[in-house]
Amino acid sequence: MDTTKDNPLEDESLSYPVHVYFIELSKQYMKNVQWNWHPEMEVIIVNHGEILFKTRDKQITVSAGMGIVINANTLHTIVPASEDANCSMYSTVFHPAFVFGYGDTYFHEKYFSPVISSSKFQFLELSEENPEENKMLECINNVIAANLIKSFGYELTTKSLLCEFWLSLIKRVAPDEPVKKTTPVASNDEIRTKEMILYIENHYAEKITLDDLAATVHISRSECCRCFKRSLNLTPIEYLMKYRIFQAASFIQKKDKRAASFSELAFNVGFNNASYFNKVFRQYLGYTPSEYRKKVNSDPNFDLFSTISI
């Protein structure tokens, strides 16, 4: 799933796969970091407020100063812990190959695979009160600082810090894991939900029925609904509507030619009725498409979609 974020706070070079983002939930679509997964590791450190971090079957509250390490390919979402919370966080995303090198090396097999493939590790909460976890928080905070300041050699500093961080991580999550080259075994629900999400991303502008989604993973309509509900606490159609509105708002935000007129915009994101499109748009974002465009054009700081993708 494409989770590339715009305007990261660091070098975008593909040869330096470390990215730092500052995220304010109040500026995100529906004030959430939407359900996503990616092949990189991610470390969230809460800067202000409290967030609720959710996976398919677990959730925890993370307060300011605390952090959470998210394993590669873990399906997750982040929402405010309370309705009126003003939450912000730093997200550090890095590919472990940056630490261990590319290829099937000694270090990759001994230190990379046991963490990535650990059946027990979806995420790890980090608290300042635990000395080892506080050490891990300090490493990531120093990574953030290095990638903001960008002094000469910051890439080497970052690599050194991530090596130190990884050593603490493997001691916590996979101290006795056998060396293996496998990847984590996802549940059937998670595998199916990811496949259906990818289908929605690729076909949202077309007519999509519940039968279409169920057919992508060879299950019945009722099991399709139950699978989505168990994984995301949403129905497939609710997710589809949210994704279409997200795309519509993004096209307006970016002044995309597909948003030249609102009737064209509705068609381009999969609605065949402009009136219904306007209703759903307002339901999710609190603005009509016309009001949203005026807001975007009149307020240069109104940048709801600059840091995330759904």
Protein backbone atom coordinates (compact mmCIF):
# COMPACT_ATOMS: atom_id res chain seq x y z
CA MET A 1 0.00 0.00 0.00
CA ASP A 2 1.35 3.41 -0.94
CA THR A 3 1.88 5.38 2.24
CA THR A 4 4.23 7.97 0.82
CA LYS A 5 3.82 11.29 2.57
CA ASP A 6 4.34 14.71 1.03
CA ASN A 7 6.71 17.31 2.49
CA PRO A 8 8.82 15.09 4.76
CA LEU A 9 11.29 16.84 7.02
CA GLU A 10 14.30 15.09 5.55
CA ASP A 11 16.12 13.98 2.41
CA GLU A 12 13.82 12.23 -0.10
CA SER A 13 16.66 10.35 -1.79
CA LEU A 14 15.91 6.69 -2.42
CA SER A 15 19.50 5.93 -1.43
CA TYR A 16 18.78 7.28 2.05
CA PRO A 17 15.59 5.48 3.14
CA VAL A 18 15.01 7.32 6.42
CA HIS A 19 12.11 9.76 6.67
CA VAL A 20 10.88 11.94 9.51
CA TYR A 21 7.40 13.49 9.57
CA PHE A 22 5.63 15.83 11.95
CA ILE A 23 1.93 14.93 12.07
CA GLU A 24 -0.91 16.89 13.63
CA LEU A 25 -4.04 14.75 13.80
CA SER A 26 -6.29 17.82 13.61
CA LYS A 27 -5.01 18.37 10.05
CA GLN A 28 -5.52 14.81 8.86
CA TYR A 29 -8.49 13.44 6.97
CA MET A 30 -11.19 12.89 9.60
CA LYS A 31 -8.46 13.62 12.20
CA ASN A 32 -7.07 10.11 11.75
CA VAL A 33 -4.03 8.45 10.26
CA GLN A 34 -6.03 6.05 8.12
CA TRP A 35 -5.57 2.29 8.03
CA ASN A 36 -2.28 1.56 6.29
CA TRP A 37 0.73 -0.73 6.19
CA HIS A 38 4.20 -0.48 4.64
CA PRO A 39 7.37 -2.56 4.33
CA GLU A 40 9.40 -0.14 6.47
CA MET A 41 9.68 0.01 10.25
CA GLU A 42 7.99 3.01 11.88
CA VAL A 43 8.54 4.62 15.27
CA ILE A 44 5.96 7.10 16.57
CA ILE A 45 6.84 9.48 19.41
CA VAL A 46 3.90 11.48 20.74
CA ASN A 47 4.73 15.16 20.97
CA HIS A 48 1.47 16.47 22.46
CA GLY A 49 -1.78 14.96 23.73
CA GLU A 50 -2.79 11.30 23.68
CA ILE A 51 -3.30 9.03 20.70
CA LEU A 52 -5.09 5.73 20.32
CA PHE A 53 -3.04 3.27 18.27
CA LYS A 54 -4.98 0.35 16.78
CA THR A 55 -4.12 -2.84 14.94
CA ARG A 56 -6.63 -5.39 13.72
CA ASP A 57 -7.08 -6.95 17.15
CA LYS A 58 -5.39 -4.66 19.68
CA GLN A 59 -5.33 -1.02 20.76
CA ILE A 60 -3.33 1.05 23.22
CA THR A 61 -3.28 4.68 24.39
CA VAL A 62 0.05 6.46 23.98
CA SER A 63 0.69 9.74 25.85
CA ALA A 64 3.08 12.62 25.22
CA GLY A 65 6.70 11.55 25.64
CA MET A 66 5.90 7.91 24.97
CA GLY A 67 6.44 6.02 21.75
CA ILE A 68 5.47 2.98 19.77
CA VAL A 69 7.52 0.81 17.40
CA ILE A 70 5.48 -0.62 14.51
CA ASN A 71 6.71 -3.72 12.73
CA ALA A 72 6.85 -3.87 8.95
CA ASN A 73 3.57 -4.71 7.17
CA THR A 74 1.47 -4.28 10.31
CA LEU A 75 -2.01 -2.99 9.44
CA HIS A 76 -2.69 -0.05 11.77
CA THR A 77 -4.45 3.26 12.32
CA ILE A 78 -3.99 6.21 14.71
CA VAL A 79 -6.82 8.33 16.13
CA PRO A 80 -7.08 10.92 18.95
CA ALA A 81 -7.64 9.32 22.35
CA SER A 82 -10.51 11.74 22.98
CA GLU A 83 -12.80 13.63 20.64
CA ASP A 84 -11.42 17.13 21.31
CA ALA A 85 -7.78 16.14 21.76
CA ASN A 86 -5.11 18.24 20.07
CA CYS A 87 -2.56 15.56 19.23
CA SER A 88 0.76 15.74 17.43
CA MET A 89 3.58 13.28 16.91
CA TYR A 90 6.82 12.60 15.09
CA SER A 91 6.95 9.59 12.79
CA THR A 92 10.32 8.09 11.89
CA VAL A 93 10.13 5.61 9.01
CA PHE A 94 13.14 3.61 7.90
CA HIS A 95 13.91 0.50 5.95
CA PRO A 96 15.96 -1.96 8.02
CA ALA A 97 18.13 -2.64 4.98
CA PHE A 98 19.64 0.82 5.61
CA VAL A 99 20.96 -0.53 8.90
CA PHE A 100 22.03 -4.00 7.76
CA GLY A 101 22.77 -3.48 4.09
CA TYR A 102 20.95 -4.95 1.11
CA GLY A 103 21.22 -8.65 0.41
CA ASP A 104 21.26 -11.83 2.44
CA THR A 105 24.20 -10.98 4.69
CA TYR A 106 25.32 -12.38 8.03
CA PHE A 107 23.90 -9.37 9.91
CA HIS A 108 20.65 -9.51 7.95
CA GLU A 109 20.08 -13.14 8.91
CA LYS A 110 21.17 -12.84 12.53
CA TYR A 111 19.60 -9.50 13.51
CA PHE A 112 17.08 -8.44 10.85
CA SER A 113 15.02 -11.57 10.20
CA PRO A 114 14.29 -12.47 13.86
CA VAL A 115 12.64 -9.08 14.42
CA ILE A 116 10.74 -8.78 11.14
CA SER A 117 9.53 -12.38 11.25
CA SER A 118 8.72 -12.50 14.98
CA SER A 119 5.24 -13.92 15.47
CA LYS A 120 4.98 -12.00 18.76
CA PHE A 121 5.90 -8.55 17.44
CA GLN A 122 3.29 -6.33 15.82
CA PHE A 123 4.20 -3.29 17.86
CA LEU A 124 6.08 -2.33 21.03
CA GLU A 125 5.10 0.47 23.38
CA LEU A 126 7.98 2.61 24.67
CA SER A 127 7.82 4.32 28.06
CA GLU A 128 10.23 6.82 29.60
CA GLU A 129 9.85 4.99 32.92
CA ASN A 130 11.53 1.84 31.60
CA PRO A 131 15.32 2.41 31.34
CA GLU A 132 15.82 0.28 28.21
CA GLU A 133 12.75 1.74 26.49
CA ASN A 134 13.84 5.26 27.47
CA LYS A 135 17.19 4.53 25.81
CA MET A 136 15.31 3.56 22.64
CA LEU A 137 13.27 6.78 22.81
CA GLU A 138 16.47 8.80 23.16
CA CYS A 139 17.93 7.10 20.08
CA ILE A 140 14.90 7.99 17.96
CA ASN A 141 14.71 11.54 19.33
CA ASN A 142 18.35 11.96 18.33
CA VAL A 143 17.52 10.56 14.87
CA ILE A 144 14.77 13.16 14.54
CA ALA A 145 17.12 15.96 15.61
CA ALA A 146 19.88 14.80 13.26
CA ASN A 147 17.50 14.74 10.29
CA LEU A 148 16.10 18.17 11.09
CA ILE A 149 19.45 19.89 11.58
CA LYS A 150 21.28 17.91 8.85
CA SER A 151 24.82 18.66 9.97
CA PHE A 152 27.61 17.13 7.90
CA GLY A 153 27.55 13.35 8.35
CA TYR A 154 24.01 13.20 9.73
CA GLU A 155 23.34 10.09 7.65
CA LEU A 156 26.17 8.24 9.43
CA THR A 157 24.95 9.52 12.78
CA THR A 158 21.47 8.24 11.92
CA LYS A 159 22.76 4.81 10.94
CA SER A 160 24.74 4.54 14.17
CA LEU A 161 21.71 5.53 16.26
CA LEU A 162 19.45 3.07 14.44
CA CYS A 163 21.96 0.25 15.02
CA GLU A 164 21.89 1.05 18.75
CA PHE A 165 18.10 1.23 18.66
CA TRP A 166 17.84 -2.09 16.83
CA LEU A 167 20.03 -3.89 19.35
CA SER A 168 17.67 -2.82 22.14
CA LEU A 169 14.67 -3.75 20.01
CA ILE A 170 15.83 -7.30 19.25
CA LYS A 171 16.56 -7.88 22.93
CA ARG A 172 12.97 -6.91 23.75
CA VAL A 173 10.97 -8.58 21.00
CA ALA A 174 13.00 -11.54 19.74
CA PRO A 175 15.72 -12.53 22.23
CA ASP A 176 15.24 -16.25 21.64
CA GLU A 177 13.82 -16.28 18.11
CA PRO A 178 15.53 -18.81 15.81
CA VAL A 179 17.24 -17.40 12.75
CA LYS A 180 14.96 -17.68 9.74
CA LYS A 181 14.22 -15.95 6.46
CA THR A 182 10.47 -15.98 6.65
CA THR A 183 8.08 -13.08 7.07
CA PRO A 184 5.37 -12.75 9.73
CA VAL A 185 2.32 -14.92 9.19
CA ALA A 186 -0.67 -12.61 8.85
CA SER A 187 -4.17 -13.74 9.72
CA ASN A 188 -6.62 -14.65 6.96
CA ASP A 189 -8.66 -11.57 7.84
CA GLU A 190 -5.66 -9.28 7.46
CA ILE A 191 -4.53 -10.84 4.19
CA ARG A 192 -8.02 -10.61 2.72
CA THR A 193 -8.60 -7.06 3.95
CA LYS A 194 -5.32 -5.85 2.46
CA GLU A 195 -6.23 -7.42 -0.89
CA MET A 196 -9.64 -5.73 -0.86
CA ILE A 197 -8.11 -2.37 0.11
CA LEU A 198 -5.68 -2.64 -2.80
CA TYR A 199 -8.59 -3.43 -5.11
CA ILE A 200 -10.41 -0.31 -3.89
CA GLU A 201 -7.30 1.83 -4.43
CA ASN A 202 -6.95 0.58 -8.00
CA HIS A 203 -10.65 0.70 -8.97
CA TYR A 204 -12.29 3.39 -6.79
CA ALA A 205 -13.29 5.46 -9.85
CA GLU A 206 -15.21 2.50 -11.26
CA LYS A 207 -18.44 0.92 -10.12
CA ILE A 208 -17.54 -1.40 -7.24
CA THR A 209 -20.02 -3.78 -5.70
CA LEU A 210 -19.80 -5.98 -2.65
CA ASP A 211 -19.67 -8.94 -5.05
CA ASP A 212 -16.59 -7.43 -6.73
CA LEU A 213 -14.76 -7.08 -3.41
CA ALA A 214 -15.72 -10.56 -2.24
CA ALA A 215 -14.58 -12.05 -5.55
CA THR A 216 -11.07 -10.59 -5.19
CA VAL A 217 -10.43 -12.90 -2.25
CA HIS A 218 -12.87 -15.69 -3.19
CA ILE A 219 -15.26 -15.37 -0.26
CA SER A 220 -19.00 -14.73 0.11
CA ARG A 221 -20.56 -11.27 0.43
CA SER A 222 -21.41 -11.88 4.09
CA GLU A 223 -17.90 -13.09 4.91
CA CYS A 224 -16.49 -10.07 3.08
CA CYS A 225 -18.46 -7.78 5.41
CA ARG A 226 -17.50 -9.74 8.51
CA CYS A 227 -13.83 -9.75 7.48
CA PHE A 228 -13.75 -5.96 7.03
CA LYS A 229 -15.63 -5.42 10.27
CA ARG A 230 -13.28 -7.66 12.25
CA SER A 231 -10.20 -6.01 10.75
CA LEU A 232 -11.10 -2.31 10.52
CA ASN A 233 -14.42 -1.97 12.36
CA LEU A 234 -15.84 -0.62 9.09
CA THR A 235 -18.02 -2.13 6.40
CA PRO A 236 -16.43 -2.45 2.93
CA ILE A 237 -18.81 0.21 1.58
CA GLU A 238 -17.96 2.63 4.40
CA TYR A 239 -14.26 2.25 3.60
CA LEU A 240 -14.95 2.71 -0.12
CA MET A 241 -16.91 5.94 0.51
CA LYS A 242 -14.17 7.31 2.78
CA TYR A 243 -11.51 6.51 0.19
CA ARG A 244 -13.47 8.17 -2.63
CA ILE A 245 -14.03 11.33 -0.59
CA PHE A 246 -10.37 11.38 0.37
CA GLN A 247 -9.41 11.26 -3.29
CA ALA A 248 -11.92 13.98 -4.18
CA ALA A 249 -10.60 16.30 -1.47
CA SER A 250 -7.01 15.56 -2.51
CA PHE A 251 -7.83 16.48 -6.14
CA ILE A 252 -9.33 19.80 -4.96
CA GLN A 253 -6.35 20.42 -2.67
CA LYS A 254 -3.88 19.82 -5.50
CA LYS A 255 -5.97 21.68 -8.11
CA ASP A 256 -6.01 18.53 -10.19
CA LYS A 257 -7.73 18.76 -13.59
CA ARG A 258 -10.06 15.98 -12.47
CA ALA A 259 -11.62 18.53 -10.09
CA ALA A 260 -12.32 21.11 -12.83
CA SER A 261 -16.05 20.88 -12.11
CA PHE A 262 -17.81 19.17 -9.25
CA SER A 263 -19.91 16.99 -11.55
CA GLU A 264 -16.69 15.78 -13.22
CA LEU A 265 -15.07 15.34 -9.83
CA ALA A 266 -17.96 13.18 -8.61
CA PHE A 267 -17.65 10.99 -11.71
CA ASN A 268 -13.86 10.78 -11.41
CA VAL A 269 -14.04 9.34 -7.90
CA GLY A 270 -16.79 6.83 -8.60
CA PHE A 271 -20.07 8.67 -7.92
CA ASN A 272 -22.72 8.79 -10.65
CA ASN A 273 -24.86 11.28 -8.75
CA ALA A 274 -23.42 14.74 -7.98
CA SER A 275 -26.05 15.48 -5.34
CA TYR A 276 -25.24 12.31 -3.41
CA PHE A 277 -21.52 13.05 -3.80
CA ASN A 278 -22.03 16.50 -2.23
CA LYS A 279 -23.96 14.95 0.66
CA VAL A 280 -21.30 12.32 1.41
CA PHE A 281 -18.47 14.85 1.03
CA ARG A 282 -20.06 17.11 3.64
CA GLN A 283 -20.82 14.17 5.91
CA TYR A 284 -17.14 13.22 6.10
CA LEU A 285 -15.37 16.59 5.90
CA GLY A 286 -17.89 19.12 7.22
CA TYR A 287 -17.77 21.13 3.98
CA THR A 288 -19.47 20.87 0.62
CA PRO A 289 -17.00 20.51 -2.27
CA SER A 290 -17.60 24.17 -3.15
CA GLU A 291 -16.95 25.31 0.42
CA TYR A 292 -13.87 23.13 0.59
CA ARG A 293 -12.43 24.63 -2.61
CA LYS A 294 -13.05 28.18 -1.32
CA LYS A 295 -11.31 27.26 1.93
CA VAL A 296 -8.31 25.85 0.08
CA ASN A 297 -8.07 28.90 -2.20
CA SER A 298 -8.46 31.48 0.57
CA ASP A 299 -6.36 29.96 3.34
CA PRO A 300 -2.76 29.06 2.44
CA ASN A 301 -2.39 27.20 5.75
CA PHE A 302 -5.40 24.99 5.11
CA ASP A 303 -3.47 21.89 4.08
CA LEU A 304 -5.53 18.96 5.28
CA PHE A 305 -3.96 16.38 2.98
CA SER A 306 -0.30 17.39 2.81
CA THR A 307 1.11 14.74 5.13
CA ILE A 308 -0.80 11.49 4.68
CA SER A 309 -2.38 9.18 2.20
CA ILE A 310 -5.21 6.87 3.17
